[in-house]
Amino acid sequence: MTAPNVALNDPPHGISRLLTLKAFQLVSILAGIVVSGYLTYVKAANVAMACVQGSAFNCDRVQNSAYSEMFGIPVAYMGLALYLVLGAIILLEERVSLLAEHGQIIVLGLSVFGWIFSMYLVYVQFFVIEALCPWCLAHEAIFTVFFGVTILRYIRYQRSLE
């Protein structure tokens, strides 16, 4: 079944087209790419991270902890890859029939996984490593906003099918 041809991205009541949920998703993804791209660069180039020092903040401790990699892959790389995949799906959802039909649920599924993993990483920073990385927390905040917008957009999509 093909997704109905509904104007999911048209805002109600004449609000500017720039303020659509899809646009907000893409802006969130762009912000996430900037932050996770910086974290990826720091990890790949093995350079010092720009970081607030003192109190609970210690970027080096977080970035070099056992939790900064999963299966030998830096978590920063996974975050960047997730943003790139989500961005590609959202950008192509009106051009690729598979994504037109299933893109919304794919984005929602990846977002659920990404958000749960992000919240796990917040927990790890606060209670296991006992050090915080503002860059990492920025990524997790951006992803939380993206996740919330994704849920709203999915609900709007589901209502359009009724």
C-alpha atoms as a PDB file:
ATOM      1  CA  MET A   1       0.000   0.000   0.000  1.00  0.00           C
ATOM      2  CA  THR A   2       1.325   3.411  -0.914  1.00  0.00           C
ATOM      3  CA  ALA A   3       1.239   6.194   1.635  1.00  0.00           C
ATOM      4  CA  PRO A   4      -1.563   8.641   0.975  1.00  0.00           C
ATOM      5  CA  ASN A   5      -0.657  11.849  -0.759  1.00  0.00           C
ATOM      6  CA  VAL A   6      -1.179  14.119   2.217  1.00  0.00           C
ATOM      7  CA  ALA A   7       0.486  17.389   2.955  1.00  0.00           C
ATOM      8  CA  LEU A   8       2.299  16.223   6.078  1.00  0.00           C
ATOM      9  CA  ASN A   9       4.696  19.088   5.881  1.00  0.00           C
ATOM     10  CA  ASP A  10       2.159  21.860   5.346  1.00  0.00           C
ATOM     11  CA  PRO A  11       1.665  23.734   8.576  1.00  0.00           C
ATOM     12  CA  PRO A  12      -1.859  24.581   9.653  1.00  0.00           C
ATOM     13  CA  HIS A  13      -3.313  28.079   9.618  1.00  0.00           C
ATOM     14  CA  GLY A  14      -0.794  29.677   7.262  1.00  0.00           C
ATOM     15  CA  ILE A  15       2.264  29.375   9.509  1.00  0.00           C
ATOM     16  CA  SER A  16       5.448  29.776   7.487  1.00  0.00           C
ATOM     17  CA  ARG A  17       6.538  26.630   5.675  1.00  0.00           C
ATOM     18  CA  LEU A  18       9.901  26.939   7.400  1.00  0.00           C
ATOM     19  CA  LEU A  19       8.311  25.917  10.698  1.00  0.00           C
ATOM     20  CA  THR A  20       7.162  22.444   9.683  1.00  0.00           C
ATOM     21  CA  LEU A  21       7.897  19.384  11.774  1.00  0.00           C
ATOM     22  CA  LYS A  22       9.996  17.959   8.945  1.00  0.00           C
ATOM     23  CA  ALA A  23      12.034  21.166   8.785  1.00  0.00           C
ATOM     24  CA  PHE A  24      12.488  21.052  12.547  1.00  0.00           C
ATOM     25  CA  GLN A  25      13.686  17.444  12.254  1.00  0.00           C
ATOM     26  CA  LEU A  26      16.209  18.453   9.609  1.00  0.00           C
ATOM     27  CA  VAL A  27      17.482  21.402  11.648  1.00  0.00           C
ATOM     28  CA  SER A  28      17.883  19.078  14.646  1.00  0.00           C
ATOM     29  CA  ILE A  29      19.765  16.609  12.481  1.00  0.00           C
ATOM     30  CA  LEU A  30      22.055  19.338  11.188  1.00  0.00           C
ATOM     31  CA  ALA A  31      22.812  20.440  14.765  1.00  0.00           C
ATOM     32  CA  GLY A  32      23.411  16.800  15.719  1.00  0.00           C
ATOM     33  CA  ILE A  33      25.780  16.329  12.783  1.00  0.00           C
ATOM     34  CA  VAL A  34      27.793  19.361  13.901  1.00  0.00           C
ATOM     35  CA  VAL A  35      28.107  18.103  17.496  1.00  0.00           C
ATOM     36  CA  SER A  36      28.663  14.429  16.697  1.00  0.00           C
ATOM     37  CA  GLY A  37      30.953  15.408  13.831  1.00  0.00           C
ATOM     38  CA  TYR A  38      33.120  17.315  16.289  1.00  0.00           C
ATOM     39  CA  LEU A  39      33.128  14.338  18.680  1.00  0.00           C
ATOM     40  CA  THR A  40      34.058  12.063  15.772  1.00  0.00           C
ATOM     41  CA  TYR A  41      36.878  14.389  14.727  1.00  0.00           C
ATOM     42  CA  VAL A  42      38.255  14.505  18.275  1.00  0.00           C
ATOM     43  CA  LYS A  43      38.161  10.713  18.533  1.00  0.00           C
ATOM     44  CA  ALA A  44      39.597  10.049  15.060  1.00  0.00           C
ATOM     45  CA  ALA A  45      42.336  12.686  15.227  1.00  0.00           C
ATOM     46  CA  ASN A  46      43.109  11.903  18.873  1.00  0.00           C
ATOM     47  CA  VAL A  47      43.206  15.603  19.755  1.00  0.00           C
ATOM     48  CA  ALA A  48      42.220  17.405  22.927  1.00  0.00           C
ATOM     49  CA  MET A  49      38.565  18.367  23.121  1.00  0.00           C
ATOM     50  CA  ALA A  50      37.463  21.918  23.852  1.00  0.00           C
ATOM     51  CA  CYS A  51      35.782  21.453  27.199  1.00  0.00           C
ATOM     52  CA  VAL A  52      34.580  23.228  30.294  1.00  0.00           C
ATOM     53  CA  GLN A  53      36.892  22.108  33.075  1.00  0.00           C
ATOM     54  CA  GLY A  54      36.155  21.807  36.731  1.00  0.00           C
ATOM     55  CA  SER A  55      33.313  20.689  38.911  1.00  0.00           C
ATOM     56  CA  ALA A  56      31.618  17.669  37.338  1.00  0.00           C
ATOM     57  CA  PHE A  57      32.949  18.316  33.824  1.00  0.00           C
ATOM     58  CA  ASN A  58      35.773  16.189  32.481  1.00  0.00           C
ATOM     59  CA  CYS A  59      35.507  15.545  28.751  1.00  0.00           C
ATOM     60  CA  ASP A  60      38.706  13.489  28.568  1.00  0.00           C
ATOM     61  CA  ARG A  61      37.447  11.109  31.237  1.00  0.00           C
ATOM     62  CA  VAL A  62      34.166  10.590  29.383  1.00  0.00           C
ATOM     63  CA  GLN A  63      35.733  10.444  25.909  1.00  0.00           C
ATOM     64  CA  ASN A  64      38.348   7.892  26.998  1.00  0.00           C
ATOM     65  CA  SER A  65      36.178   5.742  29.238  1.00  0.00           C
ATOM     66  CA  ALA A  66      35.323   2.134  28.499  1.00  0.00           C
ATOM     67  CA  TYR A  67      31.830   3.384  27.566  1.00  0.00           C
ATOM     68  CA  SER A  68      33.111   5.560  24.708  1.00  0.00           C
ATOM     69  CA  GLU A  69      33.267   2.491  22.464  1.00  0.00           C
ATOM     70  CA  MET A  70      30.901  -0.349  21.725  1.00  0.00           C
ATOM     71  CA  PHE A  71      32.168  -3.477  19.993  1.00  0.00           C
ATOM     72  CA  GLY A  72      35.366  -1.564  19.273  1.00  0.00           C
ATOM     73  CA  ILE A  73      33.502   1.233  17.474  1.00  0.00           C
ATOM     74  CA  PRO A  74      33.590   4.704  19.021  1.00  0.00           C
ATOM     75  CA  VAL A  75      30.135   5.820  20.138  1.00  0.00           C
ATOM     76  CA  ALA A  76      30.802   9.185  18.465  1.00  0.00           C
ATOM     77  CA  TYR A  77      31.019   7.430  15.075  1.00  0.00           C
ATOM     78  CA  MET A  78      27.724   5.670  15.740  1.00  0.00           C
ATOM     79  CA  GLY A  79      26.035   8.952  16.658  1.00  0.00           C
ATOM     80  CA  LEU A  80      27.232  10.633  13.481  1.00  0.00           C
ATOM     81  CA  ALA A  81      26.159   7.638  11.391  1.00  0.00           C
ATOM     82  CA  LEU A  82      22.704   7.651  12.976  1.00  0.00           C
ATOM     83  CA  TYR A  83      22.203  11.348  12.220  1.00  0.00           C
ATOM     84  CA  LEU A  84      23.339  10.839   8.616  1.00  0.00           C
ATOM     85  CA  VAL A  85      21.023   7.851   8.098  1.00  0.00           C
ATOM     86  CA  LEU A  86      18.042   9.636   9.660  1.00  0.00           C
ATOM     87  CA  GLY A  87      18.734  12.737   7.586  1.00  0.00           C
ATOM     88  CA  ALA A  88      18.961  10.710   4.383  1.00  0.00           C
ATOM     89  CA  ILE A  89      15.676   8.912   5.103  1.00  0.00           C
ATOM     90  CA  ILE A  90      13.853  12.160   5.842  1.00  0.00           C
ATOM     91  CA  LEU A  91      15.281  13.896   2.767  1.00  0.00           C
ATOM     92  CA  LEU A  92      14.439  10.963   0.484  1.00  0.00           C
ATOM     93  CA  GLU A  93      11.050   9.997   1.903  1.00  0.00           C
ATOM     94  CA  GLU A  94       9.145  11.785  -0.847  1.00  0.00           C
ATOM     95  CA  ARG A  95      11.402  10.482  -3.642  1.00  0.00           C
ATOM     96  CA  VAL A  96      11.806   6.775  -2.835  1.00  0.00           C
ATOM     97  CA  SER A  97       8.638   4.683  -2.795  1.00  0.00           C
ATOM     98  CA  LEU A  98       9.863   2.400   0.014  1.00  0.00           C
ATOM     99  CA  LEU A  99      10.525   5.439   2.180  1.00  0.00           C
ATOM    100  CA  ALA A 100       7.258   7.114   1.164  1.00  0.00           C
ATOM    101  CA  GLU A 101       5.457   4.059   2.487  1.00  0.00           C
ATOM    102  CA  HIS A 102       7.630   3.109   5.473  1.00  0.00           C
ATOM    103  CA  GLY A 103       9.966   6.051   6.121  1.00  0.00           C
ATOM    104  CA  GLN A 104       7.971   7.424   9.042  1.00  0.00           C
ATOM    105  CA  ILE A 105       8.059   4.132  10.965  1.00  0.00           C
ATOM    106  CA  ILE A 106      11.740   3.562  10.127  1.00  0.00           C
ATOM    107  CA  VAL A 107      12.642   7.015  11.445  1.00  0.00           C
ATOM    108  CA  LEU A 108      10.519   6.434  14.539  1.00  0.00           C
ATOM    109  CA  GLY A 109      12.130   3.036  15.195  1.00  0.00           C
ATOM    110  CA  LEU A 110      15.673   4.353  14.781  1.00  0.00           C
ATOM    111  CA  SER A 111      14.776   7.342  16.951  1.00  0.00           C
ATOM    112  CA  VAL A 112      13.439   5.165  19.766  1.00  0.00           C
ATOM    113  CA  PHE A 113      16.649   3.139  19.740  1.00  0.00           C
ATOM    114  CA  GLY A 114      18.838   6.262  19.516  1.00  0.00           C
ATOM    115  CA  TRP A 115      16.986   8.044  22.316  1.00  0.00           C
ATOM    116  CA  ILE A 116      17.109   5.057  24.677  1.00  0.00           C
ATOM    117  CA  PHE A 117      20.833   4.658  23.990  1.00  0.00           C
ATOM    118  CA  SER A 118      21.365   8.395  24.531  1.00  0.00           C
ATOM    119  CA  MET A 119      19.589   8.245  27.893  1.00  0.00           C
ATOM    120  CA  TYR A 120      21.759   5.261  28.824  1.00  0.00           C
ATOM    121  CA  LEU A 121      24.828   7.371  28.030  1.00  0.00           C
ATOM    122  CA  VAL A 122      23.510  10.200  30.225  1.00  0.00           C
ATOM    123  CA  TYR A 123      23.060   7.690  33.048  1.00  0.00           C
ATOM    124  CA  VAL A 124      26.603   6.401  32.513  1.00  0.00           C
ATOM    125  CA  GLN A 125      28.060   9.916  32.641  1.00  0.00           C
ATOM    126  CA  PHE A 126      26.239  10.837  35.843  1.00  0.00           C
ATOM    127  CA  PHE A 127      26.372   7.595  37.828  1.00  0.00           C
ATOM    128  CA  VAL A 128      29.130   5.365  36.454  1.00  0.00           C
ATOM    129  CA  ILE A 129      31.890   7.621  35.124  1.00  0.00           C
ATOM    130  CA  GLU A 130      30.849  10.454  37.456  1.00  0.00           C
ATOM    131  CA  ALA A 131      32.030  12.996  34.893  1.00  0.00           C
ATOM    132  CA  LEU A 132      30.157  15.003  32.309  1.00  0.00           C
ATOM    133  CA  CYS A 133      30.972  16.023  28.758  1.00  0.00           C
ATOM    134  CA  PRO A 134      29.078  19.123  27.585  1.00  0.00           C
ATOM    135  CA  TRP A 135      29.453  18.018  23.958  1.00  0.00           C
ATOM    136  CA  CYS A 136      27.973  14.627  24.753  1.00  0.00           C
ATOM    137  CA  LEU A 137      25.144  16.184  26.748  1.00  0.00           C
ATOM    138  CA  ALA A 138      24.487  18.573  23.856  1.00  0.00           C
ATOM    139  CA  HIS A 139      24.168  15.589  21.514  1.00  0.00           C
ATOM    140  CA  GLU A 140      21.766  13.894  23.907  1.00  0.00           C
ATOM    141  CA  ALA A 141      19.676  17.070  24.281  1.00  0.00           C
ATOM    142  CA  ILE A 142      19.528  17.556  20.508  1.00  0.00           C
ATOM    143  CA  PHE A 143      18.523  13.950  20.003  1.00  0.00           C
ATOM    144  CA  THR A 144      15.822  14.256  22.656  1.00  0.00           C
ATOM    145  CA  VAL A 145      14.348  17.247  20.812  1.00  0.00           C
ATOM    146  CA  PHE A 146      14.589  15.342  17.523  1.00  0.00           C
ATOM    147  CA  PHE A 147      12.867  12.346  19.121  1.00  0.00           C
ATOM    148  CA  GLY A 148      10.019  14.488  20.442  1.00  0.00           C
ATOM    149  CA  VAL A 149       9.461  16.106  17.047  1.00  0.00           C
ATOM    150  CA  THR A 150       9.610  12.689  15.398  1.00  0.00           C
ATOM    151  CA  ILE A 151       6.857  11.414  17.691  1.00  0.00           C
ATOM    152  CA  LEU A 152       4.692  14.454  16.893  1.00  0.00           C
ATOM    153  CA  ARG A 153       5.270  14.036  13.179  1.00  0.00           C
ATOM    154  CA  TYR A 154       4.472  10.323  13.338  1.00  0.00           C
ATOM    155  CA  ILE A 155       1.235  11.023  15.214  1.00  0.00           C
ATOM    156  CA  ARG A 156       0.276  13.581  12.562  1.00  0.00           C
ATOM    157  CA  TYR A 157       1.095  11.028   9.868  1.00  0.00           C
ATOM    158  CA  GLN A 158      -1.022   8.321  11.529  1.00  0.00           C
ATOM    159  CA  ARG A 159      -3.967  10.717  11.903  1.00  0.00           C
ATOM    160  CA  SER A 160      -3.741  11.532   8.201  1.00  0.00           C
ATOM    161  CA  LEU A 161      -4.256   7.830   7.421  1.00  0.00           C
ATOM    162  CA  GLU A 162      -7.557   7.673   9.299  1.00  0.00           C
END
